[in-house]
């Protein structure tokens, strides 16, 4: 019976691995120019539960991590070219936390992906 369970587990793991996303290559934002930073964040944070949440009504691609009690953490990864941003004065990265009712609890701006990764992995672990 142990071999059957092991085979089933191997097949299940293979299916799950096949469904994993290794790179975000398509977002619903025209002429998006920051895939390198988006994927750097995705690769660093996916093991911590972050997922692609890019949506056409947002001004730029994003990642999300759903937390307990309905809270949600999001990272918005804006365009490198400030002229492409909704507001050229906005920063490159924004980390937000919204409570279960959708109210903004925290908003932090970052210009460097490594700084944001350190901030999040220190805070969330």
Protein backbone atom coordinates (compact mmCIF):
# COMPACT_ATOMS: atom_id res chain seq x y z
CA UNK A 1 0.00 0.00 0.00
CA UNK A 2 2.95 2.31 0.65
CA UNK A 3 4.02 2.17 -3.02
CA UNK A 4 0.52 3.10 -4.19
CA UNK A 5 0.43 6.10 -1.86
CA UNK A 6 3.92 7.13 -2.98
CA UNK A 7 2.93 6.90 -6.66
CA UNK A 8 -0.24 8.89 -6.04
CA UNK A 9 1.71 11.53 -4.14
CA UNK A 10 4.33 11.76 -6.95
CA UNK A 11 1.57 12.22 -9.57
CA UNK A 12 -0.17 14.83 -7.43
CA UNK A 13 3.07 16.74 -6.92
CA UNK A 14 3.76 16.61 -10.67
CA UNK A 15 0.28 18.03 -11.41
CA UNK A 16 0.73 20.81 -8.84
CA UNK A 17 4.16 21.67 -10.22
CA UNK A 18 2.77 21.81 -13.76
CA UNK A 19 0.14 24.29 -12.57
CA UNK A 20 2.69 26.57 -10.88
CA UNK A 21 3.43 29.85 -12.57
CA UNK A 22 7.14 30.41 -13.06
CA UNK A 23 6.97 33.85 -14.63
CA UNK A 24 4.40 36.55 -15.21
CA UNK A 25 4.56 37.30 -18.92
CA UNK A 26 1.20 38.87 -19.65
CA UNK A 27 -0.64 41.65 -17.85
CA UNK A 28 -3.69 43.65 -18.94
CA UNK A 29 -1.72 46.91 -19.10
CA UNK A 30 -0.63 48.22 -22.49
CA UNK A 31 3.08 48.72 -23.12
CA UNK A 32 4.02 47.56 -19.61
CA UNK A 33 7.77 48.04 -19.22
CA UNK A 34 8.63 46.57 -15.81
CA UNK A 35 8.37 42.77 -16.10
CA UNK A 36 11.86 42.26 -14.65
CA UNK A 37 10.95 43.93 -11.35
CA UNK A 38 7.48 42.34 -11.26
CA UNK A 39 8.99 38.87 -11.69
CA UNK A 40 11.82 39.51 -9.24
CA UNK A 41 9.21 40.29 -6.58
CA UNK A 42 7.02 37.38 -7.67
CA UNK A 43 9.89 34.86 -7.45
CA UNK A 44 11.02 36.14 -4.05
CA UNK A 45 7.54 36.34 -2.51
CA UNK A 46 5.56 33.48 -4.10
CA UNK A 47 6.96 30.98 -1.53
CA UNK A 48 5.41 33.24 1.13
CA UNK A 49 1.93 33.03 -0.43
CA UNK A 50 1.96 35.97 -2.86
CA UNK A 51 0.09 35.62 -6.17
CA UNK A 52 -0.36 37.63 -9.35
CA UNK A 53 -3.42 39.86 -8.96
CA UNK A 54 -3.02 42.10 -12.01
CA UNK A 55 -6.38 43.37 -13.15
CA UNK A 56 -7.32 45.60 -16.07
CA UNK A 57 -9.02 48.25 -13.93
CA UNK A 58 -5.88 48.87 -11.85
CA UNK A 59 -3.35 51.34 -13.22
CA UNK A 60 -0.49 48.81 -13.04
CA UNK A 61 0.19 45.11 -12.32
CA UNK A 62 0.08 43.86 -8.75
CA UNK A 63 0.71 40.95 -6.41
CA UNK A 64 -1.56 39.97 -3.52
CA UNK A 65 -1.31 37.97 -0.34
CA UNK A 66 -4.56 37.18 1.42
CA UNK A 67 -4.22 37.31 5.19
CA UNK A 68 -6.36 36.13 8.08
CA UNK A 69 -9.72 37.75 8.78
CA UNK A 70 -10.09 39.03 5.21
CA UNK A 71 -7.13 41.41 5.24
CA UNK A 72 -5.14 41.65 2.02
CA UNK A 73 -1.59 42.81 1.32
CA UNK A 74 -0.86 44.12 -2.17
CA UNK A 75 2.16 45.32 -4.08
CA UNK A 76 1.62 47.58 -7.06
CA UNK A 77 4.54 47.51 -9.51
CA UNK A 78 4.29 50.63 -11.65
CA UNK A 79 5.84 51.48 -14.99
CA UNK A 80 9.57 52.32 -15.09
CA UNK A 81 8.78 55.26 -17.36
CA UNK A 82 7.12 57.91 -15.13
CA UNK A 83 5.23 59.24 -18.18
CA UNK A 84 3.32 55.93 -18.35
CA UNK A 85 2.15 56.11 -14.70
CA UNK A 86 -1.22 57.48 -13.74
CA UNK A 87 0.69 60.23 -11.96
CA UNK A 88 4.36 60.80 -12.92
CA UNK A 89 5.08 61.83 -9.31
CA UNK A 90 4.13 58.41 -7.93
CA UNK A 91 6.81 55.97 -6.88
CA UNK A 92 7.74 52.74 -8.57
CA UNK A 93 6.44 50.31 -5.91
CA UNK A 94 3.60 50.57 -3.41
CA UNK A 95 2.90 48.10 -0.62
CA UNK A 96 -0.59 48.34 0.87
CA UNK A 97 -2.65 46.51 3.45
CA UNK A 98 -6.43 46.70 3.33
CA UNK A 99 -8.69 45.37 6.05
CA UNK A 100 -11.64 43.04 5.42
CA UNK A 101 -13.91 46.01 4.63
CA UNK A 102 -11.48 47.34 2.02
CA UNK A 103 -10.16 50.25 4.08
CA UNK A 104 -6.53 51.16 3.55
CA UNK A 105 -4.55 50.45 6.73
CA UNK A 106 -0.95 50.82 5.51
CA UNK A 107 0.63 52.29 2.40
CA UNK A 108 4.41 52.34 1.96
CA UNK A 109 6.28 53.48 -1.12
CA UNK A 110 9.53 51.92 -2.34
CA UNK A 111 11.86 52.56 -5.26
CA UNK A 112 13.91 49.38 -4.89
CA UNK A 113 12.61 45.80 -5.16
CA UNK A 114 15.34 44.40 -2.88
CA UNK A 115 14.41 46.89 -0.15
CA UNK A 116 10.74 45.89 -0.41
CA UNK A 117 11.61 42.17 -0.33
CA UNK A 118 13.71 42.67 2.82
CA UNK A 119 10.92 44.74 4.41
CA UNK A 120 8.26 42.12 3.68
CA UNK A 121 10.22 39.00 4.53
CA UNK A 122 11.29 40.55 7.84
CA UNK A 123 7.74 41.71 8.68
CA UNK A 124 5.83 38.65 7.50
CA UNK A 125 8.08 35.88 8.86
